[in-house]
Amino acid sequence: PDNGGSLRSEVERALARHGLRQLVVTQPGEYRLLQAFERWQAEGLATLDVRPDSRFLCGPGEFASWAEGRKNLRMEYFYRHMRRRYSVLLDGDQPCGGQWNYDADNRKPPALHSAIPSPYRCRPDAITEEVLALVQSRFSEHPGDLQPFEFATTRTQALAVLKQFIEQRLGKFGDFQDAMIEGEPWMYHSHLSFYLNCGLLLPLECVRAAERAYREGSAPLNGVEGFIRQILGWREYVYGIYWHLMPAYAEQNYLAAKRDLPGFYWHGRTELNCLRQVISETLANAYAHHIQRLMIVGNFALLIGVEPKQLNQWFLQIYADAYEWVELPNVSGMVLYADGGYLASKPYAAGGAYINKMSNYCKNCRYQVSKKTGPQACPFNYLYWHFLASNRDKLQNNPRLGLAYKSYDRMAADKRETIQNDAEAFLANLQ
């Protein structure tokens, strides 16, 4: 009843109640929270003891040491450092199979007739039911679905999720990690980010479990390496980047994007079937796999020029595994190229052909992916070229976009004009 309504007021009350002068905290997952803790110390509330976060294998200090003196902080080099640091997937001092990275083997289109295992499901316990009732009573108007709630909420259940992934999904994870199928939100992914990011699982135990499956011959190297790269490489890397570049990183907007986030991101009602599928599944599950986030909802936001802070806020609010340390670098860096290429070597922009290759979404869309312009054309097609044309001053010297700009320049002038007109008409009617 006498709750002060803020973290500081409650900490202050607890310190006074017990006569304490020291505050011991784990390194938080948001820069603003560490700033608050440090401000409390500066204002004399308590001395501060910040402990390392055991949910990570490379703390901010170690990452800063690795980054010192490097002109290029590419993830691939950090990933190799971490493989060596923890002796993961090595034969002696060399990578298993002779390669560090098997990403080229992990881009198969969807296998539509393959039986995809069901995700781990468990019944809510009494505490979970109580929380669900509280959320329903206070936040019933918020986006998303409360039922069914089948996530793990205990350490034992989270370990069961890991075990099920290793036994049922890891074997095909690599082949189809970029594939998307209508009505199949979970695919062969691990669904472990929920539990890693809140601390019910630890990264090294997940890495070792996958490596053990490879050593025992129950999972192929391309899938095991791809899974390990997501945890030991990418997850640790974006955590390091976040703490290395904050607070300035949150203000980045290299492409000067300023469009409002379309309203359908909150309800999924759009004629673009790929976006309808992914957003609807996201609202139902508080989850989408990485290609859905990057190449569907993210790609569209990039092409139309959504203001970075708005998309960052949406990702942070909508996904159950989103914490600022992971969400901000992925959205501002990978999705929106708002950092000007610090994280990604080029913008991850794509037209409808990529979506059609990696999914079956286009089959049931009111637009036609084969058409490049006109009212029936897939908007991703003309929006892609409009994006390149609109940002030419900042992107044309990127070596990975040279062929794209050459293709654009070879187009007839009337075709370029049609692309421009179609894109502007679509954007004008977007809201």
Protein backbone atom coordinates (compact mmCIF):
# COMPACT_ATOMS: atom_id res chain seq x y z
CA PRO A 1 0.00 0.00 0.00
CA ASP A 2 2.85 2.45 0.71
CA ASN A 3 4.81 1.59 -2.47
CA GLY A 4 6.58 4.70 -3.72
CA GLY A 5 5.90 3.93 -7.37
CA SER A 6 9.52 4.01 -8.58
CA LEU A 7 12.63 1.89 -8.31
CA ARG A 8 14.56 4.63 -6.54
CA SER A 9 11.91 5.25 -3.90
CA GLU A 10 11.70 1.55 -3.07
CA VAL A 11 15.49 1.14 -2.90
CA GLU A 12 15.66 4.22 -0.68
CA ARG A 13 12.99 2.77 1.61
CA ALA A 14 14.77 -0.60 1.84
CA LEU A 15 18.12 1.01 2.63
CA ALA A 16 16.52 3.08 5.40
CA ARG A 17 14.58 0.12 6.80
CA HIS A 18 17.70 -1.98 7.21
CA GLY A 19 20.18 0.80 7.95
CA LEU A 20 22.32 -0.01 4.89
CA ARG A 21 24.78 2.17 2.98
CA GLN A 22 25.86 -0.08 0.10
CA LEU A 23 23.93 -1.10 -3.00
CA VAL A 24 25.06 -4.28 -4.82
CA VAL A 25 23.67 -4.65 -8.35
CA THR A 26 24.21 -6.82 -11.40
CA GLN A 27 25.34 -4.93 -14.52
CA PRO A 28 21.93 -3.88 -15.92
CA GLY A 29 20.73 -4.46 -19.46
CA GLU A 30 19.96 -0.79 -20.12
CA TYR A 31 22.31 2.16 -20.13
CA ARG A 32 19.71 4.45 -18.52
CA LEU A 33 19.49 2.13 -15.50
CA LEU A 34 23.26 2.13 -14.95
CA GLN A 35 23.16 5.91 -15.20
CA ALA A 36 20.46 5.98 -12.52
CA PHE A 37 22.49 3.74 -10.20
CA GLU A 38 25.57 5.92 -10.64
CA ARG A 39 23.49 9.06 -10.02
CA TRP A 40 22.20 7.57 -6.76
CA GLN A 41 25.79 7.04 -5.64
CA ALA A 42 26.81 10.56 -6.66
CA GLU A 43 23.88 11.96 -4.68
CA GLY A 44 24.94 10.04 -1.57
CA LEU A 45 22.11 7.49 -1.48
CA ALA A 46 24.55 4.55 -1.19
CA THR A 47 27.91 3.33 -2.40
CA LEU A 48 27.62 1.19 -5.52
CA ASP A 49 29.06 -2.26 -6.25
CA VAL A 50 28.32 -3.34 -9.87
CA ARG A 51 28.82 -7.07 -10.41
CA PRO A 52 29.29 -8.80 -13.81
CA ASP A 53 26.19 -10.20 -15.51
CA SER A 54 26.53 -13.99 -15.61
CA ARG A 55 24.14 -14.15 -18.58
CA PHE A 56 27.08 -13.15 -20.81
CA LEU A 57 30.48 -14.59 -21.63
CA CYS A 58 32.17 -11.32 -22.62
CA GLY A 59 31.61 -8.33 -20.36
CA PRO A 60 31.84 -4.70 -21.48
CA GLY A 61 35.42 -4.38 -20.23
CA GLU A 62 36.64 -7.46 -22.08
CA PHE A 63 34.87 -6.35 -25.26
CA ALA A 64 36.46 -2.92 -25.02
CA SER A 65 39.89 -4.58 -24.71
CA TRP A 66 39.21 -6.69 -27.81
CA ALA A 67 37.99 -3.62 -29.74
CA GLU A 68 40.91 -1.38 -28.75
CA GLY A 69 43.00 -0.34 -31.75
CA ARG A 70 40.80 -2.09 -34.31
CA LYS A 71 39.57 -0.09 -37.28
CA ASN A 72 36.86 -2.63 -37.99
CA LEU A 73 34.78 -4.38 -35.35
CA ARG A 74 33.25 -7.02 -37.63
CA MET A 75 31.38 -9.76 -35.82
CA GLU A 76 33.17 -12.56 -37.68
CA TYR A 77 36.52 -11.67 -36.08
CA PHE A 78 34.95 -11.34 -32.63
CA TYR A 79 33.22 -14.70 -33.11
CA ARG A 80 36.53 -16.41 -33.88
CA HIS A 81 38.02 -14.78 -30.80
CA MET A 82 35.20 -16.20 -28.68
CA ARG A 83 35.50 -19.66 -30.22
CA ARG A 84 39.16 -19.71 -29.25
CA ARG A 85 38.52 -18.10 -25.87
CA TYR A 86 36.11 -20.88 -24.86
CA SER A 87 37.56 -23.66 -27.04
CA VAL A 88 34.32 -24.28 -28.92
CA LEU A 89 34.05 -26.41 -32.10
CA LEU A 90 37.81 -26.68 -32.41
CA ASP A 91 40.01 -29.57 -33.50
CA GLY A 92 43.25 -28.58 -31.91
CA ASP A 93 43.62 -24.91 -32.81
CA GLN A 94 41.59 -25.18 -36.03
CA PRO A 95 37.82 -24.93 -36.55
CA CYS A 96 35.94 -28.19 -36.95
CA GLY A 97 35.45 -29.04 -40.60
CA GLY A 98 38.13 -26.56 -41.69
CA GLN A 99 35.80 -23.52 -41.75
CA TRP A 100 34.80 -21.00 -39.12
CA ASN A 101 31.45 -20.18 -40.71
CA TYR A 102 28.92 -22.35 -42.58
CA ASP A 103 26.36 -19.62 -43.21
CA ALA A 104 26.44 -20.25 -46.98
CA ASP A 105 24.96 -23.72 -46.30
CA ASN A 106 22.11 -22.32 -44.20
CA ARG A 107 19.91 -20.54 -46.75
CA LYS A 108 17.66 -23.25 -48.12
CA PRO A 109 14.13 -22.25 -49.13
CA PRO A 110 11.26 -23.67 -47.07
CA ALA A 111 10.51 -27.40 -47.26
CA LEU A 112 6.72 -27.18 -47.44
CA HIS A 113 6.09 -30.89 -46.93
CA SER A 114 8.43 -31.34 -43.98
CA ALA A 115 6.88 -32.13 -40.59
CA ILE A 116 8.00 -29.34 -38.25
CA PRO A 117 8.08 -30.38 -34.58
CA SER A 118 5.75 -28.54 -32.20
CA PRO A 119 7.43 -26.10 -29.81
CA TYR A 120 7.80 -26.83 -26.12
CA ARG A 121 4.57 -26.14 -24.26
CA CYS A 122 3.69 -26.26 -20.57
CA ARG A 123 0.65 -25.41 -18.46
CA PRO A 124 0.84 -22.17 -16.45
CA ASP A 125 1.37 -22.68 -12.73
CA ALA A 126 -0.57 -20.82 -10.01
CA ILE A 127 1.79 -17.84 -9.95
CA THR A 128 1.65 -17.48 -13.72
CA GLU A 129 -2.15 -17.66 -13.68
CA GLU A 130 -2.21 -14.92 -11.06
CA VAL A 131 0.02 -12.69 -13.20
CA LEU A 132 -2.06 -13.36 -16.31
CA ALA A 133 -5.17 -12.28 -14.42
CA LEU A 134 -3.43 -9.12 -13.24
CA VAL A 135 -2.31 -8.23 -16.78
CA GLN A 136 -5.81 -8.88 -18.10
CA SER A 137 -7.36 -6.61 -15.50
CA ARG A 138 -4.92 -3.72 -15.96
CA PHE A 139 -3.79 -3.91 -19.60
CA SER A 140 -6.60 -5.56 -21.53
CA GLU A 141 -6.51 -2.86 -24.22
CA HIS A 142 -2.83 -3.40 -25.03
CA PRO A 143 -1.78 -5.22 -28.24
CA GLY A 144 -1.11 -8.95 -28.11
CA ASP A 145 -2.73 -12.14 -26.83
CA LEU A 146 -2.61 -13.53 -23.29
CA GLN A 147 -3.87 -16.98 -24.20
CA PRO A 148 -2.55 -19.50 -24.72
CA PHE A 149 0.44 -18.88 -22.44
CA GLU A 150 2.73 -21.89 -22.77
CA PHE A 151 6.23 -20.51 -22.13
CA ALA A 152 8.62 -21.95 -19.58
CA THR A 153 8.75 -19.95 -16.36
CA THR A 154 11.16 -22.05 -14.28
CA ARG A 155 14.75 -23.20 -14.60
CA THR A 156 13.64 -26.83 -14.92
CA GLN A 157 11.22 -26.02 -17.72
CA ALA A 158 13.80 -23.89 -19.56
CA LEU A 159 16.25 -26.80 -19.50
CA ALA A 160 13.51 -28.96 -21.00
CA VAL A 161 13.12 -26.42 -23.85
CA LEU A 162 16.87 -26.65 -24.54
CA LYS A 163 16.79 -30.46 -24.48
CA GLN A 164 13.83 -30.58 -26.86
CA PHE A 165 15.54 -28.24 -29.32
CA ILE A 166 18.74 -30.28 -29.36
CA GLU A 167 16.83 -33.52 -29.90
CA GLN A 168 14.08 -32.41 -32.30
CA ARG A 169 15.09 -29.23 -34.14
CA LEU A 170 18.85 -28.76 -34.25
CA GLY A 171 19.25 -31.34 -37.02
CA LYS A 172 17.39 -29.13 -39.51
CA PHE A 173 17.96 -25.74 -37.92
CA GLY A 174 20.92 -24.87 -40.13
CA ASP A 175 19.32 -25.78 -43.44
CA PHE A 176 16.13 -23.83 -42.82
CA GLN A 177 17.10 -21.07 -40.40
CA ASP A 178 16.27 -18.40 -43.00
CA ALA A 179 13.07 -20.06 -44.27
CA MET A 180 9.55 -18.77 -43.60
CA ILE A 181 6.28 -20.68 -43.99
CA GLU A 182 2.78 -19.28 -43.59
CA GLY A 183 1.25 -20.47 -40.32
CA GLU A 184 4.58 -21.83 -38.99
CA PRO A 185 6.01 -19.14 -36.70
CA TRP A 186 8.34 -21.45 -34.76
CA MET A 187 10.02 -23.40 -37.60
CA TYR A 188 13.26 -25.17 -36.49
CA HIS A 189 14.45 -22.33 -34.28
CA SER A 190 15.43 -22.87 -30.67
CA HIS A 191 13.10 -20.35 -28.95
CA LEU A 192 15.75 -20.02 -26.24
CA SER A 193 16.24 -16.24 -26.40
CA PHE A 194 13.41 -15.73 -23.89
CA TYR A 195 15.23 -17.84 -21.32
CA LEU A 196 18.79 -16.74 -22.09
CA ASN A 197 17.91 -13.07 -21.86
CA CYS A 198 16.07 -13.36 -18.54
CA GLY A 199 18.63 -15.75 -17.02
CA LEU A 200 16.80 -19.08 -16.84
CA LEU A 201 19.45 -20.50 -19.19
CA LEU A 202 23.13 -19.63 -19.49
CA PRO A 203 24.85 -19.19 -22.86
CA LEU A 204 27.71 -21.65 -22.38
CA GLU A 205 25.42 -24.53 -21.40
CA CYS A 206 23.44 -24.00 -24.63
CA VAL A 207 26.65 -23.85 -26.68
CA ARG A 208 28.06 -26.99 -25.05
CA ALA A 209 24.80 -28.90 -25.56
CA ALA A 210 24.88 -28.15 -29.30
CA GLU A 211 28.58 -28.96 -29.60
CA ARG A 212 28.02 -32.26 -27.80
CA ALA A 213 25.29 -33.15 -30.30
CA TYR A 214 27.76 -32.60 -33.15
CA ARG A 215 30.53 -34.60 -31.46
CA GLU A 216 28.09 -37.47 -30.86
CA GLY A 217 26.94 -37.42 -34.48
CA SER A 218 23.32 -36.45 -33.83
CA ALA A 219 23.42 -33.02 -35.50
CA PRO A 220 25.24 -31.71 -38.60
CA LEU A 221 28.06 -29.20 -38.40
CA ASN A 222 26.35 -26.48 -40.44
CA GLY A 223 23.39 -26.33 -38.04
CA VAL A 224 25.46 -26.61 -34.87
CA GLU A 225 27.90 -23.93 -36.01
CA GLY A 226 25.04 -21.65 -37.06
CA PHE A 227 23.32 -22.02 -33.69
CA ILE A 228 26.55 -21.49 -31.76
CA ARG A 229 27.35 -18.41 -33.88
CA GLN A 230 24.02 -16.87 -32.86
CA ILE A 231 24.87 -17.23 -29.15
CA LEU A 232 28.65 -17.13 -28.82
CA GLY A 233 29.05 -14.74 -31.74
CA TRP A 234 26.12 -12.46 -32.43
CA ARG A 235 24.51 -12.28 -28.96
CA GLU A 236 27.79 -11.49 -27.23
CA TYR A 237 28.79 -9.12 -30.01
CA VAL A 238 25.68 -6.92 -29.89
CA TYR A 239 25.94 -6.82 -26.09
CA GLY A 240 29.50 -5.57 -26.43
CA ILE A 241 28.60 -3.07 -29.15
CA TYR A 242 25.76 -1.69 -27.03
CA TRP A 243 27.95 -0.90 -24.04
CA HIS A 244 30.86 0.19 -26.23
CA LEU A 245 28.88 2.84 -28.11
CA MET A 246 26.19 4.04 -25.71
CA PRO A 247 24.72 6.58 -25.15
CA ALA A 248 25.43 8.12 -28.57
CA TYR A 249 24.33 4.95 -30.39
CA ALA A 250 20.68 5.50 -29.41
CA GLU A 251 20.64 8.81 -31.32
CA GLN A 252 21.98 7.48 -34.63
CA ASN A 253 19.93 8.20 -37.77
CA TYR A 254 22.41 8.09 -40.66
CA LEU A 255 19.76 7.99 -43.40
CA ALA A 256 17.74 10.82 -41.77
CA ALA A 257 14.64 8.60 -41.74
CA LYS A 258 11.58 10.35 -40.32
CA ARG A 259 8.43 8.48 -41.36
CA ASP A 260 6.00 7.40 -38.64
CA LEU A 261 5.65 3.67 -38.01
CA PRO A 262 2.55 2.47 -39.91
CA GLY A 263 -0.44 1.75 -37.68
CA PHE A 264 -0.78 -1.83 -38.93
CA TYR A 265 2.37 -2.77 -37.01
CA TRP A 266 0.08 -2.78 -33.95
CA HIS A 267 -2.74 -4.91 -35.38
CA GLY A 268 -1.48 -6.67 -38.53
CA ARG A 269 -4.32 -5.60 -40.84
CA THR A 270 -2.57 -5.02 -44.16
CA GLU A 271 -2.91 -6.40 -47.68
CA LEU A 272 0.79 -7.31 -47.74
CA ASN A 273 0.56 -10.97 -46.76
CA CYS A 274 4.16 -11.29 -45.53
CA LEU A 275 3.68 -8.41 -43.10
CA ARG A 276 0.22 -9.62 -42.10
CA GLN A 277 1.60 -13.08 -41.32
CA VAL A 278 4.62 -11.95 -39.32
CA ILE A 279 2.91 -9.16 -37.38
CA SER A 280 -0.13 -11.31 -36.56
CA GLU A 281 2.12 -14.14 -35.34
CA THR A 282 4.19 -11.65 -33.36
CA LEU A 283 1.10 -10.30 -31.61
CA ALA A 284 -0.04 -13.85 -30.83
CA ASN A 285 3.33 -15.20 -29.64
CA ALA A 286 5.48 -12.17 -28.69
CA TYR A 287 7.99 -13.86 -31.00
CA ALA A 288 9.23 -13.97 -34.58
CA HIS A 289 12.45 -15.57 -35.76
CA HIS A 290 15.40 -13.48 -36.90
CA ILE A 291 14.69 -13.48 -40.64
CA GLN A 292 11.07 -12.45 -40.08
CA ARG A 293 12.28 -9.57 -37.93
CA LEU A 294 15.09 -8.53 -40.28
CA MET A 295 13.73 -9.18 -43.77
CA ILE A 296 9.98 -8.67 -43.34
CA VAL A 297 9.04 -6.14 -40.64
CA GLY A 298 12.54 -4.65 -40.59
CA ASN A 299 13.09 -4.56 -44.35
CA PHE A 300 9.75 -2.83 -44.91
CA ALA A 301 10.51 -0.22 -42.25
CA LEU A 302 13.92 0.40 -43.85
CA LEU A 303 12.47 0.79 -47.34
CA ILE A 304 9.80 3.29 -46.30
CA GLY A 305 12.17 5.24 -44.02
CA VAL A 306 10.72 4.72 -40.52
CA GLU A 307 12.25 6.95 -37.87
CA PRO A 308 14.63 4.73 -35.81
CA LYS A 309 13.32 5.57 -32.35
CA GLN A 310 9.80 4.52 -33.33
CA LEU A 311 10.86 1.12 -34.67
CA ASN A 312 13.15 0.59 -31.68
CA GLN A 313 10.23 1.26 -29.36
CA TRP A 314 8.01 -1.18 -31.24
CA PHE A 315 10.59 -3.98 -31.08
CA LEU A 316 11.19 -3.31 -27.40
CA GLN A 317 7.49 -3.42 -26.55
CA ILE A 318 6.35 -6.25 -28.80
CA TYR A 319 8.91 -9.07 -28.37
CA ALA A 320 9.20 -11.06 -25.15
CA ASP A 321 12.97 -11.50 -25.58
CA ALA A 322 13.65 -7.79 -26.20
CA TYR A 323 15.93 -5.89 -23.85
CA GLU A 324 17.55 -2.66 -24.94
CA TRP A 325 21.08 -4.13 -25.11
CA VAL A 326 19.97 -6.61 -27.81
CA GLU A 327 17.14 -4.68 -29.45
CA LEU A 328 18.92 -1.37 -30.11
CA PRO A 329 21.98 -2.61 -32.05
CA ASN A 330 19.86 -5.06 -34.04
CA VAL A 331 17.26 -2.45 -35.03
CA SER A 332 19.39 0.66 -35.46
CA GLY A 333 22.39 -1.20 -36.84
CA MET A 334 21.20 -4.29 -38.71
CA VAL A 335 17.65 -3.34 -39.67
CA LEU A 336 17.73 0.41 -40.34
CA TYR A 337 21.41 1.06 -41.10
CA ALA A 338 21.01 4.05 -38.80
CA ASP A 339 24.62 3.75 -37.64
CA GLY A 340 25.93 4.22 -41.18
CA GLY A 341 27.45 0.77 -41.46
CA TYR A 342 29.12 0.28 -38.11
CA LEU A 343 27.32 -3.01 -37.52
CA ALA A 344 26.37 -4.12 -41.05
CA SER A 345 28.46 -3.76 -44.19
CA LYS A 346 25.38 -2.75 -46.21
CA PRO A 347 21.68 -2.06 -45.64
CA TYR A 348 19.65 -5.28 -45.54
CA ALA A 349 17.22 -4.02 -48.17
CA ALA A 350 15.48 -6.48 -50.49
CA GLY A 351 12.65 -6.61 -53.00
CA GLY A 352 9.91 -9.18 -53.31
CA ALA A 353 12.12 -11.78 -55.01
CA TYR A 354 13.99 -12.52 -51.78
CA ILE A 355 10.75 -12.92 -49.82
CA ASN A 356 9.35 -15.20 -52.52
CA LYS A 357 12.49 -17.34 -52.49
CA MET A 358 12.63 -17.80 -48.73
CA SER A 359 8.91 -18.15 -47.99
CA ASN A 360 5.49 -19.08 -49.38
CA TYR A 361 3.98 -15.77 -48.29
CA CYS A 362 3.69 -14.39 -51.83
CA LYS A 363 1.37 -17.20 -52.93
CA ASN A 364 -1.58 -15.84 -50.93
CA CYS A 365 -0.89 -12.12 -51.31
CA ARG A 366 -3.17 -9.75 -53.16
CA TYR A 367 -0.05 -8.28 -54.83
CA GLN A 368 1.95 -10.12 -57.48
CA VAL A 369 5.62 -10.54 -56.74
CA SER A 370 6.40 -11.03 -60.45
CA LYS A 371 5.18 -7.51 -61.27
CA LYS A 372 7.65 -4.68 -60.73
CA THR A 373 5.39 -1.66 -61.16
CA GLY A 374 1.69 -0.87 -61.34
CA PRO A 375 -1.23 -1.36 -58.91
CA GLN A 376 -0.83 -5.17 -58.81
CA ALA A 377 2.96 -5.10 -58.27
CA CYS A 378 4.53 -6.18 -54.98
CA PRO A 379 5.31 -2.89 -53.19
CA PHE A 380 8.65 -4.29 -52.02
CA ASN A 381 9.78 -4.25 -55.67
CA TYR A 382 9.41 -0.55 -56.38
CA LEU A 383 10.10 0.49 -52.78
CA TYR A 384 13.50 -1.21 -53.02
CA TRP A 385 14.59 0.91 -55.99
CA HIS A 386 12.99 4.01 -54.51
CA PHE A 387 15.03 3.44 -51.32
CA LEU A 388 18.28 3.19 -53.28
CA ALA A 389 17.47 6.26 -55.35
CA SER A 390 16.41 8.33 -52.32
CA ASN A 391 19.58 7.49 -50.36
CA ARG A 392 22.04 7.52 -53.25
CA ASP A 393 24.20 10.29 -51.81
CA LYS A 394 24.96 8.12 -48.76
CA LEU A 395 24.96 4.63 -50.27
CA GLN A 396 26.31 4.74 -53.82
CA ASN A 397 29.94 4.36 -52.74
CA ASN A 398 29.20 1.21 -50.75
CA PRO A 399 31.04 -1.54 -52.68
CA ARG A 400 28.32 -4.09 -51.89
CA LEU A 401 25.70 -1.91 -53.61
CA GLY A 402 27.66 -1.18 -56.78
CA LEU A 403 25.86 -3.76 -58.92
CA ALA A 404 22.46 -2.59 -57.69
CA TYR A 405 23.16 1.01 -58.69
CA LYS A 406 24.49 -0.08 -62.06
CA SER A 407 21.24 -1.99 -62.65
CA TYR A 408 19.23 1.07 -61.67
CA ASP A 409 21.22 3.31 -63.98
CA ARG A 410 20.67 0.94 -66.91
CA MET A 411 16.90 1.25 -66.56
CA ALA A 412 15.06 3.41 -69.08
CA ALA A 413 14.17 6.85 -67.80
CA ASP A 414 10.43 6.18 -68.04
CA LYS A 415 10.80 3.01 -65.95
CA ARG A 416 12.64 4.91 -63.22
CA GLU A 417 9.92 7.54 -63.29
CA THR A 418 7.21 4.88 -62.94
CA ILE A 419 9.06 3.38 -59.95
CA GLN A 420 9.23 6.81 -58.36
CA ASN A 421 5.55 7.53 -58.95
CA ASP A 422 4.40 4.10 -57.70
CA ALA A 423 6.50 4.40 -54.55
CA GLU A 424 5.35 7.90 -53.76
CA ALA A 425 1.68 6.97 -54.31
CA PHE A 426 2.05 3.93 -52.02
CA LEU A 427 3.77 5.96 -49.31
CA ALA A 428 1.18 8.72 -49.52
CA ASN A 429 -1.58 6.20 -48.78
CA LEU A 430 0.34 4.16 -46.21
CA GLN A 431 -1.39 5.40 -43.09
